[in-house]
Amino acid sequence: MVKICCIGAGYVGGPTMAMIALKCPKIEVAVVDISAPRIAAWNSDQLPIFEPGLDEVVKECRDRNLFFSTNVEKHVAEADIIFVSVNTPTKTRGLGAGKAADLTYWESAARMIADVAKSDKIVVEKSTVPVKTAEAIEKILTHNSNGIKFQILSNPEFLAEGTAIDDLRAPDRVLIGGRETPEGKKAVQALKEVYAHWVPEDRIITTNLWSAELSKLAANAFLAQRISSINAMSALCEATGANVSEVAYAVGKDSRIGSKFLNASVGFGGSCFQKDILNLVYICECNGLPEVANYWKQVIKINDYQKSRFVNRVVSSMFNTVSGKKIAVLGFAFKKDTGDTRETPAIDVCKGLLGDKASISIYDPQVTEDQIQRDLAMNKFDWDHPIHMQPVSPTAVKQVSVTWDAYEAAKGAHGVCILTEWDEFKKLDYERIYDSMQKPAFIFDGRNVVDAEKLREIGFIVYSIGKPLDQWLKDMPAVC
């Protein structure tokens, strides 16, 4: 029996290994992590991450050929193929701070693999890593090998949270990069055979190591670029009276462009986009390509601009101050169908409103109060470090309350900000919400999920990103 071990039981490692176990019943799959609470959650009925369809897959395979364990060294020593899916956070200090990836956890994993390995191993990069990371890992393993042979592969993930199980079940492509040597090609073939249990062969792409590593960064940069492009247009739409949805529809009908990732919003979030673009910027700078670096920096700048523009719109609309006013925030996760709050635009929006002394009431169907308070207390980039490296018990932000009911969040509020496109926000009883709010009652739709005209008929003053402005909003322009 082939044995697979994955180091790291997070958003990538857990679901990916669960799908491999489901589709390859003759392969034993172990997911290991040093975090005992995380592993305990994977072994319980309350998994540590929310992802539609994940529960069913895990429960079908768990304790059959899928195992979750804190006994890292045992499973690494026994495995034929080792996936490494540890964090690669953005460095917060030293050379490349604020841009470069911190490979501390990757290096630690590589040294541990070298220490415990008693047989030849295929080591697979599953984390998003800078180009040439494989070369560094190869050197660590080779110089500590004690005669054991290692082959390094790059197998980046292309999962979208909220649809990860569908993405794993029927991927657009599986990318495997390896050395162009006989041993490297043999290792690539071994991993290819795992995926071939359910992925059509024409969707399994093989490349050299560096192409695979760079393709992941490039894919995320291109997707983020599309979001920043339509968000830049949304500002122009508001200034001219154009409707960003109509513009996006017209542009997306061009077969050369397509319609995906053209929804204007308060900004992109998630664990990958900003981090990967900053990493790409750093790599460009290190390779003497400042013009290319500056091009990708602008994608991040537009994203930051969109969030600050939204905050300014809220404040300016409400008589240029939200001091002492209750603002309801509906949605804190960075997108619907996930409880993930990493780099969510809601953090910057809430901090911006708190900076003007607003009182904020937050509702999200999947995010806990502890997570929200932790996110609002953390410094930038702290979220990607292990939990024991984060603030242990962050001081609760006094002006922030968290409720498990959208109506309670909006009760007595001066304004409502919709920051996540949860389906339930389309179906709320907005007449009931209007009746419970201070007047004039404002709705700031950062995801364009509500019917603005219907809400205006109820009596709301409505701001929708990139849509023609109410006269009220025209009379109180936001300066950014």
Protein backbone atom coordinates (compact mmCIF):
# COMPACT_ATOMS: atom_id res chain seq x y z
CA MET A 1 0.00 0.00 0.00
CA VAL A 2 1.26 3.45 -0.94
CA LYS A 3 1.37 5.74 2.09
CA ILE A 4 0.85 9.49 1.87
CA CYS A 5 1.47 11.95 4.69
CA CYS A 6 0.51 15.62 4.68
CA ILE A 7 2.22 17.99 7.11
CA GLY A 8 -0.32 20.72 7.91
CA ALA A 9 -4.02 20.23 8.65
CA GLY A 10 -5.35 23.55 7.37
CA TYR A 11 -7.61 24.78 4.58
CA VAL A 12 -5.45 23.10 1.92
CA GLY A 13 -4.08 19.96 3.56
CA GLY A 14 -7.29 18.70 5.17
CA PRO A 15 -9.67 18.87 2.17
CA THR A 16 -7.03 17.79 -0.39
CA MET A 17 -6.04 14.70 1.56
CA ALA A 18 -9.68 13.85 2.26
CA MET A 19 -10.39 13.83 -1.48
CA ILE A 20 -7.31 11.70 -2.23
CA ALA A 21 -8.45 9.22 0.43
CA LEU A 22 -11.97 9.16 -1.03
CA LYS A 23 -10.82 8.57 -4.59
CA CYS A 24 -7.90 6.25 -3.75
CA PRO A 25 -9.20 3.72 -1.20
CA LYS A 26 -6.02 1.62 -1.52
CA ILE A 27 -3.81 4.52 -0.45
CA GLU A 28 -3.35 5.24 3.25
CA VAL A 29 -3.47 8.98 3.91
CA ALA A 30 -2.35 10.62 7.16
CA VAL A 31 -2.76 14.32 7.92
CA VAL A 32 -0.44 15.47 10.70
CA ASP A 33 -0.12 18.72 12.63
CA ILE A 34 1.56 19.83 15.86
CA SER A 35 -1.69 21.54 16.94
CA ALA A 36 -3.53 19.04 19.16
CA PRO A 37 -6.80 21.07 19.20
CA ARG A 38 -6.83 21.21 15.40
CA ILE A 39 -6.29 17.46 15.03
CA ALA A 40 -8.92 16.79 17.71
CA ALA A 41 -11.37 18.89 15.69
CA TRP A 42 -10.62 16.90 12.51
CA ASN A 43 -11.39 13.73 14.48
CA SER A 44 -14.66 15.14 15.84
CA ASP A 45 -18.10 15.93 14.43
CA GLN A 46 -17.20 19.64 14.35
CA LEU A 47 -14.46 20.03 11.75
CA PRO A 48 -12.08 23.00 12.21
CA ILE A 49 -13.03 24.54 8.86
CA PHE A 50 -16.39 25.09 7.17
CA GLU A 51 -16.51 23.95 3.56
CA PRO A 52 -19.68 22.69 1.84
CA GLY A 53 -19.46 18.92 1.28
CA LEU A 54 -16.30 18.42 3.38
CA ASP A 55 -18.07 16.73 6.32
CA GLU A 56 -19.44 13.95 4.13
CA VAL A 57 -16.08 13.22 2.50
CA VAL A 58 -14.19 13.15 5.81
CA LYS A 59 -16.76 10.95 7.56
CA GLU A 60 -16.72 8.42 4.71
CA CYS A 61 -12.94 7.99 4.80
CA ARG A 62 -11.90 8.76 8.38
CA ASP A 63 -10.43 5.77 10.22
CA ARG A 64 -10.68 3.71 7.01
CA ASN A 65 -7.78 5.08 4.99
CA LEU A 66 -7.77 8.69 6.25
CA PHE A 67 -6.18 9.48 9.60
CA PHE A 68 -5.54 12.70 11.51
CA SER A 69 -2.69 12.64 14.01
CA THR A 70 -0.25 14.70 16.05
CA ASN A 71 2.35 11.94 15.73
CA VAL A 72 4.13 13.83 12.99
CA GLU A 73 7.45 11.98 12.95
CA LYS A 74 5.90 8.48 12.84
CA HIS A 75 3.75 9.18 9.79
CA VAL A 76 6.49 11.13 8.00
CA ALA A 77 8.93 8.23 8.51
CA GLU A 78 6.42 5.71 7.12
CA ALA A 79 5.24 7.74 4.11
CA ASP A 80 6.29 7.25 0.50
CA ILE A 81 4.96 10.66 -0.57
CA ILE A 82 5.02 13.64 1.83
CA PHE A 83 2.93 16.71 1.07
CA VAL A 84 4.08 19.85 2.90
CA SER A 85 1.22 22.27 3.45
CA VAL A 86 2.55 24.52 6.18
CA ASN A 87 2.11 28.29 6.38
CA THR A 88 4.29 30.59 4.29
CA PRO A 89 3.38 33.92 5.91
CA THR A 90 4.59 37.31 4.76
CA LYS A 91 7.70 38.35 6.70
CA THR A 92 6.98 40.97 9.33
CA ARG A 93 10.61 41.92 9.98
CA GLY A 94 14.06 41.71 8.44
CA LEU A 95 14.98 41.50 4.76
CA GLY A 96 11.87 41.69 2.57
CA ALA A 97 9.52 42.55 5.46
CA GLY A 98 6.00 43.22 4.24
CA LYS A 99 6.56 41.44 0.91
CA ALA A 100 8.76 38.34 1.04
CA ALA A 101 7.44 34.94 2.16
CA ASP A 102 8.69 33.66 5.51
CA LEU A 103 9.91 30.10 4.91
CA THR A 104 10.67 29.34 8.58
CA TYR A 105 7.98 26.67 8.85
CA TRP A 106 8.86 25.12 5.50
CA GLU A 107 12.54 24.88 6.46
CA SER A 108 11.64 23.38 9.83
CA ALA A 109 9.48 20.76 8.10
CA ALA A 110 12.29 19.90 5.65
CA ARG A 111 14.83 19.42 8.43
CA MET A 112 12.42 17.21 10.36
CA ILE A 113 11.79 15.07 7.24
CA ALA A 114 15.55 14.63 6.78
CA ASP A 115 15.96 13.68 10.45
CA VAL A 116 13.31 10.94 10.56
CA ALA A 117 13.43 9.51 7.00
CA LYS A 118 14.66 5.92 6.81
CA SER A 119 13.70 5.36 3.16
CA ASP A 120 13.60 7.35 -0.10
CA LYS A 121 10.84 10.00 -0.19
CA ILE A 122 8.98 12.15 -2.66
CA VAL A 123 8.44 15.57 -1.02
CA VAL A 124 5.66 17.65 -2.52
CA GLU A 125 5.31 21.43 -2.12
CA LYS A 126 1.62 22.05 -1.53
CA SER A 127 2.01 25.45 0.12
CA THR A 128 2.24 28.54 -2.05
CA VAL A 129 5.95 29.25 -2.13
CA PRO A 130 8.33 31.67 -3.88
CA VAL A 131 10.00 30.56 -7.08
CA LYS A 132 13.17 28.56 -6.36
CA THR A 133 11.95 27.38 -2.92
CA ALA A 134 12.30 23.79 -4.15
CA GLU A 135 15.98 24.41 -4.75
CA ALA A 136 16.48 25.58 -1.14
CA ILE A 137 14.49 22.64 0.26
CA GLU A 138 16.44 20.25 -1.96
CA LYS A 139 19.71 21.54 -0.51
CA ILE A 140 18.49 21.12 3.08
CA LEU A 141 17.35 17.56 2.42
CA THR A 142 20.45 16.61 0.43
CA HIS A 143 22.89 17.94 3.03
CA ASN A 144 21.07 16.13 5.85
CA SER A 145 20.09 13.00 3.96
CA ASN A 146 22.28 10.31 5.54
CA GLY A 147 22.16 8.46 2.22
CA ILE A 148 18.39 8.78 1.75
CA LYS A 149 17.29 10.05 -1.67
CA PHE A 150 14.66 12.79 -1.96
CA GLN A 151 12.80 14.08 -4.99
CA ILE A 152 11.11 17.47 -4.70
CA LEU A 153 7.88 18.17 -6.60
CA SER A 154 5.74 21.29 -6.82
CA ASN A 155 1.99 20.61 -6.80
CA PRO A 156 0.31 23.97 -6.09
CA GLU A 157 -3.34 24.06 -5.07
CA PHE A 158 -5.93 26.03 -7.03
CA LEU A 159 -8.87 25.74 -4.64
CA ALA A 160 -11.50 28.41 -4.18
CA GLU A 161 -12.92 28.46 -0.67
CA GLY A 162 -16.62 27.74 -0.65
CA THR A 163 -16.27 25.41 -3.64
CA ALA A 164 -13.10 23.52 -2.60
CA ILE A 165 -14.70 20.06 -2.63
CA ASP A 166 -16.13 20.57 -6.12
CA ASP A 167 -12.76 21.99 -7.22
CA LEU A 168 -11.00 18.89 -5.89
CA ARG A 169 -13.55 16.48 -7.35
CA ALA A 170 -13.41 18.01 -10.85
CA PRO A 171 -10.35 20.31 -11.10
CA ASP A 172 -9.68 22.55 -14.10
CA ARG A 173 -6.14 21.21 -13.95
CA VAL A 174 -3.67 19.49 -11.65
CA LEU A 175 -0.17 20.94 -11.98
CA ILE A 176 2.91 18.87 -11.12
CA GLY A 177 6.40 20.30 -11.49
CA GLY A 178 9.58 18.26 -11.09
CA ARG A 179 13.21 17.97 -12.04
CA GLU A 180 13.84 17.03 -15.65
CA THR A 181 16.05 14.09 -14.66
CA PRO A 182 15.16 10.38 -14.84
CA GLU A 183 14.57 10.35 -11.07
CA GLY A 184 12.55 13.56 -11.25
CA LYS A 185 10.37 12.25 -14.07
CA LYS A 186 9.78 9.01 -12.14
CA ALA A 187 8.62 11.02 -9.10
CA VAL A 188 6.31 13.14 -11.26
CA GLN A 189 4.82 9.95 -12.71
CA ALA A 190 4.25 8.52 -9.22
CA LEU A 191 2.24 11.55 -8.14
CA LYS A 192 0.46 11.68 -11.49
CA GLU A 193 -0.76 8.11 -10.91
CA VAL A 194 -2.37 9.19 -7.63
CA TYR A 195 -4.42 11.94 -9.28
CA ALA A 196 -5.17 9.74 -12.31
CA HIS A 197 -7.55 7.71 -10.10
CA TRP A 198 -10.16 10.38 -10.82
CA VAL A 199 -8.67 13.27 -12.85
CA PRO A 200 -8.62 12.88 -16.69
CA GLU A 201 -5.06 12.64 -17.97
CA ASP A 202 -5.41 15.72 -20.20
CA ARG A 203 -6.06 17.79 -17.08
CA ILE A 204 -2.83 16.71 -15.37
CA ILE A 205 -0.16 19.17 -16.50
CA THR A 206 3.52 18.46 -15.92
CA THR A 207 6.18 21.19 -16.01
CA ASN A 208 9.58 21.95 -14.60
CA LEU A 209 9.78 22.93 -10.93
CA TRP A 210 10.08 26.67 -11.50
CA SER A 211 7.14 26.89 -13.89
CA ALA A 212 4.89 25.12 -11.38
CA GLU A 213 5.94 27.41 -8.52
CA LEU A 214 5.49 30.57 -10.60
CA SER A 215 2.18 29.43 -12.14
CA LYS A 216 0.48 29.51 -8.74
CA LEU A 217 1.60 33.09 -8.04
CA ALA A 218 0.73 34.13 -11.59
CA ALA A 219 -2.78 32.61 -11.42
CA ASN A 220 -3.63 34.43 -8.19
CA ALA A 221 -2.12 37.68 -9.46
CA PHE A 222 -4.21 37.53 -12.65
CA LEU A 223 -7.43 36.84 -10.70
CA ALA A 224 -6.76 39.66 -8.23
CA GLN A 225 -5.90 41.95 -11.13
CA ARG A 226 -9.37 41.36 -12.64
CA ILE A 227 -11.05 42.25 -9.34
CA SER A 228 -8.98 45.42 -8.97
CA SER A 229 -9.74 46.31 -12.59
CA ILE A 230 -13.51 46.14 -12.14
CA ASN A 231 -13.25 47.88 -8.76
CA ALA A 232 -11.31 50.72 -10.39
CA MET A 233 -14.14 50.95 -12.93
CA SER A 234 -16.73 51.00 -10.12
CA ALA A 235 -15.31 54.29 -8.85
CA LEU A 236 -15.56 55.77 -12.34
CA CYS A 237 -19.10 54.42 -12.71
CA GLU A 238 -20.20 56.25 -9.57
CA ALA A 239 -18.59 59.46 -10.79
CA THR A 240 -20.29 59.30 -14.20
CA GLY A 241 -23.65 57.66 -13.47
CA ALA A 242 -22.76 54.40 -15.22
CA ASN A 243 -23.81 51.05 -13.71
CA VAL A 244 -20.85 48.75 -13.01
CA SER A 245 -23.00 45.62 -13.38
CA GLU A 246 -24.00 46.65 -16.88
CA VAL A 247 -20.41 47.54 -17.76
CA ALA A 248 -19.15 44.19 -16.40
CA TYR A 249 -21.83 42.28 -18.31
CA ALA A 250 -20.95 44.02 -21.58
CA VAL A 251 -17.21 43.51 -21.08
CA GLY A 252 -17.63 39.89 -19.96
CA LYS A 253 -19.54 39.01 -23.13
CA ASP A 254 -16.27 39.41 -25.03
CA SER A 255 -15.10 35.81 -25.39
CA ARG A 256 -11.49 36.97 -25.06
CA ILE A 257 -12.24 38.33 -21.59
CA GLY A 258 -15.07 36.26 -20.10
CA SER A 259 -17.38 37.08 -17.20
CA LYS A 260 -15.66 35.52 -14.19
CA PHE A 261 -14.17 37.71 -11.44
CA LEU A 262 -15.87 40.85 -12.76
CA ASN A 263 -18.15 41.48 -9.76
CA ALA A 264 -17.40 44.85 -8.17
CA SER A 265 -17.11 44.72 -4.40
CA VAL A 266 -15.63 46.34 -1.34
CA GLY A 267 -12.38 44.50 -2.15
CA PHE A 268 -10.80 41.07 -2.35
CA GLY A 269 -9.63 39.08 0.66
CA GLY A 270 -8.55 35.56 1.50
CA SER A 271 -5.25 33.98 2.35
CA CYS A 272 -3.67 34.07 -1.10
CA PHE A 273 -4.26 37.12 -3.27
CA GLN A 274 -2.50 39.87 -1.36
CA LYS A 275 0.20 37.61 0.03
CA ASP A 276 1.02 36.08 -3.35
CA ILE A 277 1.12 39.42 -5.15
CA LEU A 278 3.44 40.88 -2.49
CA ASN A 279 5.60 37.80 -2.93
CA LEU A 280 5.58 38.32 -6.71
CA VAL A 281 6.55 41.97 -6.22
CA TYR A 282 9.49 40.96 -4.04
CA ILE A 283 10.69 38.35 -6.55
CA CYS A 284 10.51 40.94 -9.35
CA GLU A 285 12.47 43.45 -7.30
CA CYS A 286 15.12 40.85 -6.44
CA ASN A 287 15.48 40.01 -10.13
CA GLY A 288 16.01 43.65 -11.15
CA LEU A 289 12.53 44.20 -12.60
CA PRO A 290 11.21 47.33 -10.81
CA GLU A 291 8.73 48.22 -13.58
CA VAL A 292 7.12 44.77 -13.33
CA ALA A 293 7.08 45.01 -9.52
CA ASN A 294 5.36 48.40 -9.67
CA TYR A 295 2.73 47.05 -12.06
CA TRP A 296 1.66 44.33 -9.59
CA LYS A 297 1.89 46.72 -6.61
CA GLN A 298 -0.89 48.73 -8.21
CA VAL A 299 -3.29 45.77 -7.93
CA ILE A 300 -2.84 45.89 -4.14
CA LYS A 301 -3.12 49.69 -4.08
CA ILE A 302 -6.49 49.62 -5.87
CA ASN A 303 -7.74 47.02 -3.42
CA ASP A 304 -6.71 49.17 -0.45
CA TYR A 305 -8.23 52.21 -2.18
CA GLN A 306 -11.56 50.43 -2.64
CA LYS A 307 -11.81 49.62 1.08
CA SER A 308 -10.91 53.15 2.19
CA ARG A 309 -13.29 54.58 -0.44
CA PHE A 310 -16.11 52.49 1.04
CA VAL A 311 -15.36 53.72 4.58
CA ASN A 312 -15.23 57.32 3.39
CA ARG A 313 -18.57 56.88 1.63
CA VAL A 314 -20.16 55.61 4.86
CA VAL A 315 -18.77 58.45 6.95
CA SER A 316 -19.47 61.26 4.46
CA SER A 317 -23.05 60.07 3.86
CA MET A 318 -23.88 60.20 7.54
CA PHE A 319 -23.20 63.92 8.00
CA ASN A 320 -19.43 63.35 7.87
CA THR A 321 -19.23 61.53 11.19
CA VAL A 322 -20.10 58.14 12.64
CA SER A 323 -18.85 59.01 16.12
CA GLY A 324 -21.13 57.36 18.66
CA LYS A 325 -23.38 55.94 15.93
CA LYS A 326 -24.24 52.26 15.73
CA ILE A 327 -23.24 50.63 12.44
CA ALA A 328 -24.41 47.10 11.71
CA VAL A 329 -21.95 44.95 9.76
CA LEU A 330 -23.53 41.98 7.98
CA GLY A 331 -20.86 39.49 7.02
CA PHE A 332 -17.29 39.24 8.27
CA ALA A 333 -15.90 36.28 6.27
CA PHE A 334 -14.02 37.27 3.12
CA LYS A 335 -16.60 35.47 0.94
CA LYS A 336 -19.77 33.43 1.36
CA ASP A 337 -19.77 29.70 2.21
CA THR A 338 -16.63 29.90 4.32
CA GLY A 339 -15.76 30.92 7.86
CA ASP A 340 -12.35 32.16 6.74
CA THR A 341 -11.55 35.74 7.73
CA ARG A 342 -7.94 35.94 6.53
CA GLU A 343 -7.39 39.36 4.88
CA THR A 344 -11.15 39.91 4.78
CA PRO A 345 -12.07 43.46 3.71
CA ALA A 346 -14.34 43.59 6.78
CA ILE A 347 -11.27 44.02 9.01
CA ASP A 348 -10.12 47.22 7.31
CA VAL A 349 -13.68 48.56 6.99
CA CYS A 350 -14.37 47.96 10.68
CA LYS A 351 -11.04 49.48 11.71
CA GLY A 352 -11.78 52.50 9.53
CA LEU A 353 -15.18 53.00 11.16
CA LEU A 354 -13.73 52.44 14.62
CA GLY A 355 -11.16 55.13 13.80
CA ASP A 356 -14.08 57.55 13.52
CA LYS A 357 -15.43 56.24 16.88
CA ALA A 358 -18.37 54.25 15.51
CA SER A 359 -20.06 51.55 17.59
CA ILE A 360 -20.17 48.35 15.51
CA SER A 361 -22.50 45.36 15.75
CA ILE A 362 -21.41 42.39 13.63
CA TYR A 363 -23.30 39.35 12.38
CA ASP A 364 -21.84 36.50 10.32
CA PRO A 365 -23.37 33.01 10.16
CA GLN A 366 -20.00 31.21 10.30
CA VAL A 367 -17.51 33.44 12.14
CA THR A 368 -17.22 33.32 15.93
CA GLU A 369 -16.98 36.32 18.24
CA ASP A 370 -13.53 35.18 19.39
CA GLN A 371 -12.27 35.12 15.80
CA ILE A 372 -13.70 38.57 15.04
CA GLN A 373 -12.15 40.12 18.15
CA ARG A 374 -8.85 38.37 17.38
CA ASP A 375 -8.84 39.70 13.81
CA LEU A 376 -9.55 43.26 14.90
CA ALA A 377 -6.77 43.10 17.52
CA MET A 378 -4.07 41.53 15.33
CA ASN A 379 -1.34 43.35 13.46
CA LYS A 380 -1.10 42.94 9.70
CA PHE A 381 0.25 39.52 8.59
CA ASP A 382 -0.01 38.04 12.13
CA TRP A 383 -2.94 35.85 10.98
CA ASP A 384 -0.70 33.53 8.95
CA HIS A 385 1.51 32.53 11.84
CA PRO A 386 0.65 29.53 14.07
CA ILE A 387 -1.96 30.18 16.73
CA HIS A 388 0.63 30.10 19.53
CA MET A 389 2.46 32.99 17.81
CA GLN A 390 -0.68 35.15 17.77
CA PRO A 391 -2.06 37.26 20.65
CA VAL A 392 -3.17 34.73 23.28
CA SER A 393 -6.17 36.64 24.57
CA PRO A 394 -6.56 39.82 22.57
CA THR A 395 -8.17 42.72 24.33
CA ALA A 396 -11.75 42.94 23.13
CA VAL A 397 -12.53 46.07 21.16
CA LYS A 398 -15.13 47.74 23.37
CA GLN A 399 -16.98 49.47 20.54
CA VAL A 400 -17.57 46.08 18.84
CA SER A 401 -20.34 43.63 19.69
CA VAL A 402 -21.04 40.35 17.90
CA THR A 403 -24.52 38.91 17.54
CA TRP A 404 -25.92 35.74 15.98
CA ASP A 405 -28.89 37.49 14.42
CA ALA A 406 -28.96 40.02 11.57
CA TYR A 407 -32.04 41.77 12.98
CA GLU A 408 -30.41 42.22 16.38
CA ALA A 409 -27.29 43.64 14.70
CA ALA A 410 -29.39 46.22 12.83
CA LYS A 411 -31.65 47.16 15.76
CA GLY A 412 -31.16 50.84 16.59
CA ALA A 413 -28.43 51.21 13.96
CA HIS A 414 -27.92 54.33 11.85
CA GLY A 415 -26.47 52.32 8.97
CA VAL A 416 -26.00 48.77 7.71
CA CYS A 417 -22.87 47.65 5.84
CA ILE A 418 -23.11 44.41 3.85
CA LEU A 419 -19.58 43.06 3.55
CA THR A 420 -20.07 39.36 2.64
CA GLU A 421 -22.39 38.07 -0.09
CA TRP A 422 -24.16 35.45 2.06
CA ASP A 423 -27.34 34.30 0.28
CA GLU A 424 -29.42 34.90 3.40
CA PHE A 425 -28.78 38.66 3.16
CA LYS A 426 -30.84 38.73 -0.05
CA LYS A 427 -33.84 37.27 1.80
CA LEU A 428 -33.92 39.38 4.97
CA ASP A 429 -37.08 41.27 5.93
CA TYR A 430 -35.73 44.74 5.18
CA GLU A 431 -39.00 46.43 6.19
CA ARG A 432 -38.54 44.99 9.66
CA ILE A 433 -34.92 46.17 9.65
CA TYR A 434 -35.93 49.65 8.49
CA ASP A 435 -38.55 49.96 11.23
CA SER A 436 -35.95 49.08 13.90
CA MET A 437 -33.30 51.56 12.73
CA GLN A 438 -32.55 55.21 13.40
CA LYS A 439 -33.68 57.57 10.64
CA PRO A 440 -32.49 58.41 8.07
CA ALA A 441 -31.61 54.73 7.64
CA PHE A 442 -28.65 53.85 5.41
CA ILE A 443 -27.60 50.65 3.66
CA PHE A 444 -24.11 50.41 2.21
CA ASP A 445 -23.99 47.33 0.00
CA GLY A 446 -20.37 46.35 -0.46
CA ARG A 447 -21.25 43.22 -2.46
CA ASN A 448 -24.20 44.38 -4.60
CA VAL A 449 -26.47 41.65 -3.21
CA VAL A 450 -29.67 43.60 -2.47
CA ASP A 451 -32.26 45.17 -4.75
CA ALA A 452 -31.46 48.85 -4.22
CA GLU A 453 -34.70 50.12 -5.80
CA LYS A 454 -36.88 48.01 -3.51
CA LEU A 455 -34.97 49.22 -0.48
CA ARG A 456 -35.35 52.84 -1.58
CA GLU A 457 -39.11 52.27 -1.82
CA ILE A 458 -39.04 51.12 1.82
CA GLY A 459 -37.27 54.36 2.75
CA PHE A 460 -33.58 53.47 2.90
CA ILE A 461 -30.81 55.63 1.50
CA VAL A 462 -28.81 53.03 -0.44
CA TYR A 463 -25.22 52.99 -1.62
CA SER A 464 -24.30 50.13 -3.97
CA ILE A 465 -20.72 49.84 -5.20
CA GLY A 466 -20.39 51.18 -8.75
CA LYS A 467 -24.11 51.94 -9.17
CA PRO A 468 -25.78 55.32 -9.88
CA LEU A 469 -25.88 57.34 -6.66
CA ASP A 470 -28.90 58.53 -4.68
CA GLN A 471 -29.30 62.31 -4.74
CA TRP A 472 -28.45 62.25 -1.03
CA LEU A 473 -25.09 60.67 -1.78
CA LYS A 474 -24.41 63.11 -4.61
CA ASP A 475 -25.01 65.97 -2.20
CA MET A 476 -22.51 64.50 0.30
CA PRO A 477 -19.56 63.43 -1.86
CA ALA A 478 -16.91 61.11 -0.43
CA VAL A 479 -13.40 62.45 -0.71
CA CYS A 480 -10.71 59.77 -0.69
